[in-house]
Amino acid sequence: MVKEHTIAKKIKMEITKLAKLLILRGMTQQELYNLIKERTGKEIQLYRISTMVNGKLKDYKVSTARILAQALQVPTDAIIEDEF
């Protein structure tokens, strides 16, 4: 029988910068979607937001990072992952 802490060590979850921002602000992806439209007048589809938050889409356009940063009122460095 494998001990629980051993399993926990094997599971390595990486949280994106965008996910951290949402968690710290207590925001959902839907709320981010709405905020983007409200603050920028632009639209990023909800499924794309989800893929970025979950780290499945890491290589996106600078313009997308700028839209996210503008909506969240943070520098783009707070959105863009350090490694890709």
PDB file of N, CA and C in Angstrom:
ATOM      1  N   MET A   1       0.837  -1.182   0.000  1.00  0.00           N
ATOM      2  CA  MET A   1       0.000   0.000   0.000  1.00  0.00           C
ATOM      3  C   MET A   1       0.887   1.253   0.000  1.00  0.00           C
ATOM      4  N   VAL A   2       0.617   2.152  -0.946  1.00  0.00           N
ATOM      5  CA  VAL A   2       1.397   3.382  -1.073  1.00  0.00           C
ATOM      6  C   VAL A   2       0.854   4.409  -0.093  1.00  0.00           C
ATOM      7  N   LYS A   3       1.739   5.017   0.635  1.00  0.00           N
ATOM      8  CA  LYS A   3       1.311   6.022   1.601  1.00  0.00           C
ATOM      9  C   LYS A   3       0.836   7.278   0.873  1.00  0.00           C
ATOM     10  N   GLU A   4      -0.102   7.945   1.512  1.00  0.00           N
ATOM     11  CA  GLU A   4      -0.719   9.131   0.903  1.00  0.00           C
ATOM     12  C   GLU A   4       0.300  10.212   0.581  1.00  0.00           C
ATOM     13  N   HIS A   5       1.257  10.460   1.461  1.00  0.00           N
ATOM     14  CA  HIS A   5       2.232  11.525   1.212  1.00  0.00           C
ATOM     15  C   HIS A   5       3.124  11.205   0.019  1.00  0.00           C
ATOM     16  N   THR A   6       3.373   9.926  -0.243  1.00  0.00           N
ATOM     17  CA  THR A   6       4.162   9.518  -1.404  1.00  0.00           C
ATOM     18  C   THR A   6       3.417   9.847  -2.688  1.00  0.00           C
ATOM     19  N   ILE A   7       2.142   9.602  -2.692  1.00  0.00           N
ATOM     20  CA  ILE A   7       1.318   9.929  -3.855  1.00  0.00           C
ATOM     21  C   ILE A   7       1.309  11.435  -4.081  1.00  0.00           C
ATOM     22  N   ALA A   8       1.160  12.190  -3.011  1.00  0.00           N
ATOM     23  CA  ALA A   8       1.131  13.643  -3.119  1.00  0.00           C
ATOM     24  C   ALA A   8       2.432  14.178  -3.708  1.00  0.00           C
ATOM     25  N   LYS A   9       3.557  13.556  -3.374  1.00  0.00           N
ATOM     26  CA  LYS A   9       4.846  13.987  -3.917  1.00  0.00           C
ATOM     27  C   LYS A   9       4.932  13.709  -5.418  1.00  0.00           C
ATOM     28  N   LYS A  10       4.301  12.639  -5.857  1.00  0.00           N
ATOM     29  CA  LYS A  10       4.357  12.271  -7.269  1.00  0.00           C
ATOM     30  C   LYS A  10       3.479  13.170  -8.129  1.00  0.00           C
ATOM     31  N   ILE A  11       2.437  13.705  -7.535  1.00  0.00           N
ATOM     32  CA  ILE A  11       1.540  14.590  -8.275  1.00  0.00           C
ATOM     33  C   ILE A  11       2.128  15.984  -8.216  1.00  0.00           C
ATOM     34  N   LYS A  12       2.484  16.483  -9.361  1.00  0.00           N
ATOM     35  CA  LYS A  12       3.111  17.792  -9.415  1.00  0.00           C
ATOM     36  C   LYS A  12       2.218  18.719 -10.228  1.00  0.00           C
ATOM     37  N   MET A  13       1.549  19.603  -9.555  1.00  0.00           N
ATOM     38  CA  MET A  13       0.651  20.525 -10.244  1.00  0.00           C
ATOM     39  C   MET A  13       1.342  21.870 -10.388  1.00  0.00           C
ATOM     40  N   GLU A  14       1.319  22.371 -11.577  1.00  0.00           N
ATOM     41  CA  GLU A  14       1.850  23.696 -11.818  1.00  0.00           C
ATOM     42  C   GLU A  14       0.673  24.638 -12.014  1.00  0.00           C
ATOM     43  N   ILE A  15       0.719  25.745 -11.337  1.00  0.00           N
ATOM     44  CA  ILE A  15      -0.348  26.723 -11.449  1.00  0.00           C
ATOM     45  C   ILE A  15       0.201  27.902 -12.231  1.00  0.00           C
ATOM     46  N   THR A  16      -0.525  28.318 -13.242  1.00  0.00           N
ATOM     47  CA  THR A  16      -0.083  29.434 -14.076  1.00  0.00           C
ATOM     48  C   THR A  16      -0.203  30.747 -13.306  1.00  0.00           C
ATOM     49  N   LYS A  17       0.514  31.740 -13.782  1.00  0.00           N
ATOM     50  CA  LYS A  17       0.423  33.067 -13.185  1.00  0.00           C
ATOM     51  C   LYS A  17      -1.015  33.586 -13.260  1.00  0.00           C
ATOM     52  N   LEU A  18      -1.653  33.317 -14.370  1.00  0.00           N
ATOM     53  CA  LEU A  18      -3.032  33.767 -14.548  1.00  0.00           C
ATOM     54  C   LEU A  18      -3.955  33.093 -13.539  1.00  0.00           C
ATOM     55  N   ALA A  19      -3.768  31.807 -13.325  1.00  0.00           N
ATOM     56  CA  ALA A  19      -4.574  31.086 -12.332  1.00  0.00           C
ATOM     57  C   ALA A  19      -4.346  31.661 -10.936  1.00  0.00           C
ATOM     58  N   LYS A  20      -3.093  31.959 -10.604  1.00  0.00           N
ATOM     59  CA  LYS A  20      -2.776  32.537  -9.299  1.00  0.00           C
ATOM     60  C   LYS A  20      -3.483  33.874  -9.106  1.00  0.00           C
ATOM     61  N   LEU A  21      -3.469  34.703 -10.153  1.00  0.00           N
ATOM     62  CA  LEU A  21      -4.154  35.992 -10.061  1.00  0.00           C
ATOM     63  C   LEU A  21      -5.644  35.819  -9.786  1.00  0.00           C
ATOM     64  N   LEU A  22      -6.247  34.880 -10.490  1.00  0.00           N
ATOM     65  CA  LEU A  22      -7.678  34.649 -10.287  1.00  0.00           C
ATOM     66  C   LEU A  22      -7.949  34.137  -8.874  1.00  0.00           C
ATOM     67  N   ILE A  23      -7.120  33.229  -8.402  1.00  0.00           N
ATOM     68  CA  ILE A  23      -7.294  32.688  -7.059  1.00  0.00           C
ATOM     69  C   ILE A  23      -7.149  33.797  -6.014  1.00  0.00           C
ATOM     70  N   LEU A  24      -6.102  34.607  -6.152  1.00  0.00           N
ATOM     71  CA  LEU A  24      -5.872  35.688  -5.192  1.00  0.00           C
ATOM     72  C   LEU A  24      -7.012  36.702  -5.168  1.00  0.00           C
ATOM     73  N   ARG A  25      -7.651  36.886  -6.295  1.00  0.00           N
ATOM     74  CA  ARG A  25      -8.749  37.849  -6.381  1.00  0.00           C
ATOM     75  C   ARG A  25     -10.116  37.216  -6.151  1.00  0.00           C
ATOM     76  N   GLY A  26     -10.123  35.916  -5.992  1.00  0.00           N
ATOM     77  CA  GLY A  26     -11.392  35.224  -5.800  1.00  0.00           C
ATOM     78  C   GLY A  26     -12.290  35.308  -7.017  1.00  0.00           C
ATOM     79  N   MET A  27     -11.659  35.306  -8.193  1.00  0.00           N
ATOM     80  CA  MET A  27     -12.398  35.458  -9.449  1.00  0.00           C
ATOM     81  C   MET A  27     -12.541  34.129 -10.173  1.00  0.00           C
ATOM     82  N   THR A  28     -13.640  33.998 -10.885  1.00  0.00           N
ATOM     83  CA  THR A  28     -13.833  32.851 -11.759  1.00  0.00           C
ATOM     84  C   THR A  28     -13.384  33.223 -13.165  1.00  0.00           C
ATOM     85  N   GLN A  29     -13.266  32.221 -14.004  1.00  0.00           N
ATOM     86  CA  GLN A  29     -12.935  32.476 -15.402  1.00  0.00           C
ATOM     87  C   GLN A  29     -14.043  33.272 -16.089  1.00  0.00           C
ATOM     88  N   GLN A  30     -15.272  33.003 -15.729  1.00  0.00           N
ATOM     89  CA  GLN A  30     -16.402  33.754 -16.281  1.00  0.00           C
ATOM     90  C   GLN A  30     -16.310  35.230 -15.885  1.00  0.00           C
ATOM     91  N   GLU A  31     -15.931  35.494 -14.656  1.00  0.00           N
ATOM     92  CA  GLU A  31     -15.777  36.882 -14.201  1.00  0.00           C
ATOM     93  C   GLU A  31     -14.644  37.570 -14.952  1.00  0.00           C
ATOM     94  N   LEU A  32     -13.561  36.840 -15.228  1.00  0.00           N
ATOM     95  CA  LEU A  32     -12.472  37.396 -16.022  1.00  0.00           C
ATOM     96  C   LEU A  32     -12.962  37.715 -17.429  1.00  0.00           C
ATOM     97  N   TYR A  33     -13.704  36.817 -18.014  1.00  0.00           N
ATOM     98  CA  TYR A  33     -14.277  37.033 -19.347  1.00  0.00           C
ATOM     99  C   TYR A  33     -15.084  38.334 -19.361  1.00  0.00           C
ATOM    100  N   ASN A  34     -15.940  38.508 -18.366  1.00  0.00           N
ATOM    101  CA  ASN A  34     -16.771  39.711 -18.289  1.00  0.00           C
ATOM    102  C   ASN A  34     -15.928  40.963 -18.066  1.00  0.00           C
ATOM    103  N   LEU A  35     -14.900  40.855 -17.237  1.00  0.00           N
ATOM    104  CA  LEU A  35     -14.017  41.977 -16.940  1.00  0.00           C
ATOM    105  C   LEU A  35     -13.254  42.421 -18.187  1.00  0.00           C
ATOM    106  N   ILE A  36     -12.825  41.466 -18.981  1.00  0.00           N
ATOM    107  CA  ILE A  36     -12.114  41.778 -20.225  1.00  0.00           C
ATOM    108  C   ILE A  36     -13.016  42.617 -21.129  1.00  0.00           C
ATOM    109  N   LYS A  37     -14.241  42.178 -21.304  1.00  0.00           N
ATOM    110  CA  LYS A  37     -15.182  42.912 -22.157  1.00  0.00           C
ATOM    111  C   LYS A  37     -15.461  44.304 -21.598  1.00  0.00           C
ATOM    112  N   GLU A  38     -15.622  44.389 -20.290  1.00  0.00           N
ATOM    113  CA  GLU A  38     -15.952  45.657 -19.637  1.00  0.00           C
ATOM    114  C   GLU A  38     -14.807  46.662 -19.708  1.00  0.00           C
ATOM    115  N   ARG A  39     -13.595  46.210 -19.400  1.00  0.00           N
ATOM    116  CA  ARG A  39     -12.460  47.135 -19.297  1.00  0.00           C
ATOM    117  C   ARG A  39     -11.725  47.385 -20.605  1.00  0.00           C
ATOM    118  N   THR A  40     -11.812  46.444 -21.550  1.00  0.00           N
ATOM    119  CA  THR A  40     -11.033  46.600 -22.784  1.00  0.00           C
ATOM    120  C   THR A  40     -11.898  46.734 -24.029  1.00  0.00           C
ATOM    121  N   GLY A  41     -13.145  46.308 -23.938  1.00  0.00           N
ATOM    122  CA  GLY A  41     -14.003  46.297 -25.120  1.00  0.00           C
ATOM    123  C   GLY A  41     -13.664  45.152 -26.067  1.00  0.00           C
ATOM    124  N   LYS A  42     -12.741  44.308 -25.678  1.00  0.00           N
ATOM    125  CA  LYS A  42     -12.321  43.155 -26.487  1.00  0.00           C
ATOM    126  C   LYS A  42     -12.979  41.902 -25.939  1.00  0.00           C
ATOM    127  N   GLU A  43     -12.823  40.811 -26.671  1.00  0.00           N
ATOM    128  CA  GLU A  43     -13.375  39.549 -26.206  1.00  0.00           C
ATOM    129  C   GLU A  43     -12.363  38.432 -26.421  1.00  0.00           C
ATOM    130  N   ILE A  44     -12.134  37.673 -25.362  1.00  0.00           N
ATOM    131  CA  ILE A  44     -11.362  36.436 -25.449  1.00  0.00           C
ATOM    132  C   ILE A  44     -12.345  35.347 -25.068  1.00  0.00           C
ATOM    133  N   GLN A  45     -12.525  34.408 -25.959  1.00  0.00           N
ATOM    134  CA  GLN A  45     -13.533  33.378 -25.716  1.00  0.00           C
ATOM    135  C   GLN A  45     -13.225  32.602 -24.438  1.00  0.00           C
ATOM    136  N   LEU A  46     -14.272  32.202 -23.762  1.00  0.00           N
ATOM    137  CA  LEU A  46     -14.151  31.547 -22.471  1.00  0.00           C
ATOM    138  C   LEU A  46     -13.305  30.273 -22.534  1.00  0.00           C
ATOM    139  N   TYR A  47     -13.433  29.502 -23.608  1.00  0.00           N
ATOM    140  CA  TYR A  47     -12.625  28.280 -23.705  1.00  0.00           C
ATOM    141  C   TYR A  47     -11.143  28.616 -23.818  1.00  0.00           C
ATOM    142  N   ARG A  48     -10.804  29.747 -24.446  1.00  0.00           N
ATOM    143  CA  ARG A  48      -9.391  30.154 -24.541  1.00  0.00           C
ATOM    144  C   ARG A  48      -8.884  30.606 -23.187  1.00  0.00           C
ATOM    145  N   ILE A  49      -9.719  31.333 -22.453  1.00  0.00           N
ATOM    146  CA  ILE A  49      -9.339  31.739 -21.103  1.00  0.00           C
ATOM    147  C   ILE A  49      -9.051  30.489 -20.272  1.00  0.00           C
ATOM    148  N   SER A  50      -9.917  29.505 -20.384  1.00  0.00           N
ATOM    149  CA  SER A  50      -9.749  28.258 -19.640  1.00  0.00           C
ATOM    150  C   SER A  50      -8.431  27.573 -19.986  1.00  0.00           C
ATOM    151  N   THR A  51      -8.100  27.509 -21.270  1.00  0.00           N
ATOM    152  CA  THR A  51      -6.851  26.841 -21.665  1.00  0.00           C
ATOM    153  C   THR A  51      -5.628  27.607 -21.177  1.00  0.00           C
ATOM    154  N   MET A  52      -5.718  28.925 -21.117  1.00  0.00           N
ATOM    155  CA  MET A  52      -4.601  29.726 -20.609  1.00  0.00           C
ATOM    156  C   MET A  52      -4.469  29.580 -19.101  1.00  0.00           C
ATOM    157  N   VAL A  53      -5.585  29.642 -18.400  1.00  0.00           N
ATOM    158  CA  VAL A  53      -5.575  29.510 -16.939  1.00  0.00           C
ATOM    159  C   VAL A  53      -5.029  28.145 -16.528  1.00  0.00           C
ATOM    160  N   ASN A  54      -5.419  27.115 -17.248  1.00  0.00           N
ATOM    161  CA  ASN A  54      -5.008  25.753 -16.903  1.00  0.00           C
ATOM    162  C   ASN A  54      -3.659  25.342 -17.476  1.00  0.00           C
ATOM    163  N   GLY A  55      -2.989  26.249 -18.179  1.00  0.00           N
ATOM    164  CA  GLY A  55      -1.651  25.977 -18.686  1.00  0.00           C
ATOM    165  C   GLY A  55      -1.597  25.122 -19.931  1.00  0.00           C
ATOM    166  N   LYS A  56      -2.735  24.873 -20.555  1.00  0.00           N
ATOM    167  CA  LYS A  56      -2.753  24.073 -21.777  1.00  0.00           C
ATOM    168  C   LYS A  56      -2.375  24.919 -22.989  1.00  0.00           C
ATOM    169  N   LEU A  57      -2.557  26.215 -22.876  1.00  0.00           N
ATOM    170  CA  LEU A  57      -2.156  27.147 -23.931  1.00  0.00           C
ATOM    171  C   LEU A  57      -1.181  28.129 -23.297  1.00  0.00           C
ATOM    172  N   LYS A  58       0.089  27.976 -23.622  1.00  0.00           N
ATOM    173  CA  LYS A  58       1.128  28.822 -23.033  1.00  0.00           C
ATOM    174  C   LYS A  58       1.704  29.800 -24.048  1.00  0.00           C
ATOM    175  N   ASP A  59       1.582  29.485 -25.295  1.00  0.00           N
ATOM    176  CA  ASP A  59       2.194  30.284 -26.346  1.00  0.00           C
ATOM    177  C   ASP A  59       1.099  31.072 -27.065  1.00  0.00           C
ATOM    178  N   TYR A  60       0.710  32.181 -26.456  1.00  0.00           N
ATOM    179  CA  TYR A  60      -0.311  33.005 -27.091  1.00  0.00           C
ATOM    180  C   TYR A  60       0.255  34.371 -27.429  1.00  0.00           C
ATOM    181  N   LYS A  61      -0.484  35.113 -28.213  1.00  0.00           N
ATOM    182  CA  LYS A  61      -0.004  36.389 -28.728  1.00  0.00           C
ATOM    183  C   LYS A  61       0.228  37.399 -27.613  1.00  0.00           C
ATOM    184  N   VAL A  62       1.179  38.295 -27.866  1.00  0.00           N
ATOM    185  CA  VAL A  62       1.457  39.375 -26.931  1.00  0.00           C
ATOM    186  C   VAL A  62       0.206  40.235 -26.754  1.00  0.00           C
ATOM    187  N   SER A  63      -0.538  40.428 -27.825  1.00  0.00           N
ATOM    188  CA  SER A  63      -1.753  41.244 -27.738  1.00  0.00           C
ATOM    189  C   SER A  63      -2.763  40.620 -26.774  1.00  0.00           C
ATOM    190  N   THR A  64      -2.823  39.303 -26.729  1.00  0.00           N
ATOM    191  CA  THR A  64      -3.718  38.616 -25.796  1.00  0.00           C
ATOM    192  C   THR A  64      -3.251  38.845 -24.365  1.00  0.00           C
ATOM    193  N   ALA A  65      -1.949  38.741 -24.128  1.00  0.00           N
ATOM    194  CA  ALA A  65      -1.402  38.991 -22.789  1.00  0.00           C
ATOM    195  C   ALA A  65      -1.678  40.428 -22.361  1.00  0.00           C
ATOM    196  N   ARG A  66      -1.569  41.344 -23.293  1.00  0.00           N
ATOM    197  CA  ARG A  66      -1.842  42.752 -22.975  1.00  0.00           C
ATOM    198  C   ARG A  66      -3.307  42.972 -22.604  1.00  0.00           C
ATOM    199  N   ILE A  67      -4.204  42.311 -23.311  1.00  0.00           N
ATOM    200  CA  ILE A  67      -5.635  42.425 -23.007  1.00  0.00           C
ATOM    201  C   ILE A  67      -5.907  41.890 -21.607  1.00  0.00           C
ATOM    202  N   LEU A  68      -5.348  40.728 -21.299  1.00  0.00           N
ATOM    203  CA  LEU A  68      -5.520  40.144 -19.970  1.00  0.00           C
ATOM    204  C   LEU A  68      -4.955  41.068 -18.895  1.00  0.00           C
ATOM    205  N   ALA A  69      -3.754  41.580 -19.130  1.00  0.00           N
ATOM    206  CA  ALA A  69      -3.100  42.461 -18.162  1.00  0.00           C
ATOM    207  C   ALA A  69      -3.896  43.745 -17.963  1.00  0.00           C
ATOM    208  N   GLN A  70      -4.405  44.299 -19.050  1.00  0.00           N
ATOM    209  CA  GLN A  70      -5.198  45.525 -18.956  1.00  0.00           C
ATOM    210  C   GLN A  70      -6.477  45.270 -18.156  1.00  0.00           C
ATOM    211  N   ALA A  71      -7.131  44.178 -18.433  1.00  0.00           N
ATOM    212  CA  ALA A  71      -8.370  43.853 -17.724  1.00  0.00           C
ATOM    213  C   ALA A  71      -8.119  43.649 -16.234  1.00  0.00           C
ATOM    214  N   LEU A  72      -7.011  42.990 -15.903  1.00  0.00           N
ATOM    215  CA  LEU A  72      -6.684  42.706 -14.504  1.00  0.00           C
ATOM    216  C   LEU A  72      -5.898  43.841 -13.839  1.00  0.00           C
ATOM    217  N   GLN A  73      -5.529  44.825 -14.638  1.00  0.00           N
ATOM    218  CA  GLN A  73      -4.765  45.989 -14.176  1.00  0.00           C
ATOM    219  C   GLN A  73      -3.455  45.581 -13.501  1.00  0.00           C
ATOM    220  N   VAL A  74      -2.695  44.771 -14.257  1.00  0.00           N
ATOM    221  CA  VAL A  74      -1.377  44.325 -13.824  1.00  0.00           C
ATOM    222  C   VAL A  74      -0.420  44.470 -15.008  1.00  0.00           C
ATOM    223  N   PRO A  75       0.892  44.472 -14.762  1.00  0.00           N
ATOM    224  CA  PRO A  75       1.831  44.481 -15.890  1.00  0.00           C
ATOM    225  C   PRO A  75       1.771  43.143 -16.635  1.00  0.00           C
ATOM    226  N   THR A  76       2.145  43.162 -17.904  1.00  0.00           N
ATOM    227  CA  THR A  76       2.091  41.924 -18.693  1.00  0.00           C
ATOM    228  C   THR A  76       2.980  40.828 -18.096  1.00  0.00           C
ATOM    229  N   ASP A  77       4.038  41.207 -17.402  1.00  0.00           N
ATOM    230  CA  ASP A  77       4.910  40.221 -16.756  1.00  0.00           C
ATOM    231  C   ASP A  77       4.147  39.379 -15.729  1.00  0.00           C
ATOM    232  N   ALA A  78       3.071  39.921 -15.206  1.00  0.00           N
ATOM    233  CA  ALA A  78       2.270  39.194 -14.225  1.00  0.00           C
ATOM    234  C   ALA A  78       1.409  38.114 -14.894  1.00  0.00           C
ATOM    235  N   ILE A  79       1.339  38.160 -16.220  1.00  0.00           N
ATOM    236  CA  ILE A  79       0.517  37.211 -16.991  1.00  0.00           C
ATOM    237  C   ILE A  79       1.394  36.180 -17.686  1.00  0.00           C
ATOM    238  N   ILE A  80       2.493  36.639 -18.284  1.00  0.00           N
ATOM    239  CA  ILE A  80       3.340  35.795 -19.116  1.00  0.00           C
ATOM    240  C   ILE A  80       4.186  34.870 -18.250  1.00  0.00           C
ATOM    241  N   GLU A  81       4.170  33.597 -18.607  1.00  0.00           N
ATOM    242  CA  GLU A  81       4.953  32.594 -17.874  1.00  0.00           C
ATOM    243  C   GLU A  81       6.437  32.813 -18.141  1.00  0.00           C
ATOM    244  N   ASP A  82       7.266  32.553 -17.140  1.00  0.00           N
ATOM    245  CA  ASP A  82       8.697  32.736 -17.256  1.00  0.00           C
ATOM    246  C   ASP A  82       9.352  31.737 -18.180  1.00  0.00           C
ATOM    247  N   GLU A  83       8.799  30.541 -18.236  1.00  0.00           N
ATOM    248  CA  GLU A  83       9.346  29.493 -19.118  1.00  0.00           C
ATOM    249  C   GLU A  83       8.249  28.950 -20.001  1.00  0.00           C
ATOM    250  N   PHE A  84       8.638  28.541 -21.181  1.00  0.00           N
ATOM    251  CA  PHE A  84       7.656  27.988 -22.114  1.00  0.00           C
ATOM    252  C   PHE A  84       8.255  26.852 -22.878  1.00  0.00           C
TER     253      PHE A  84
END
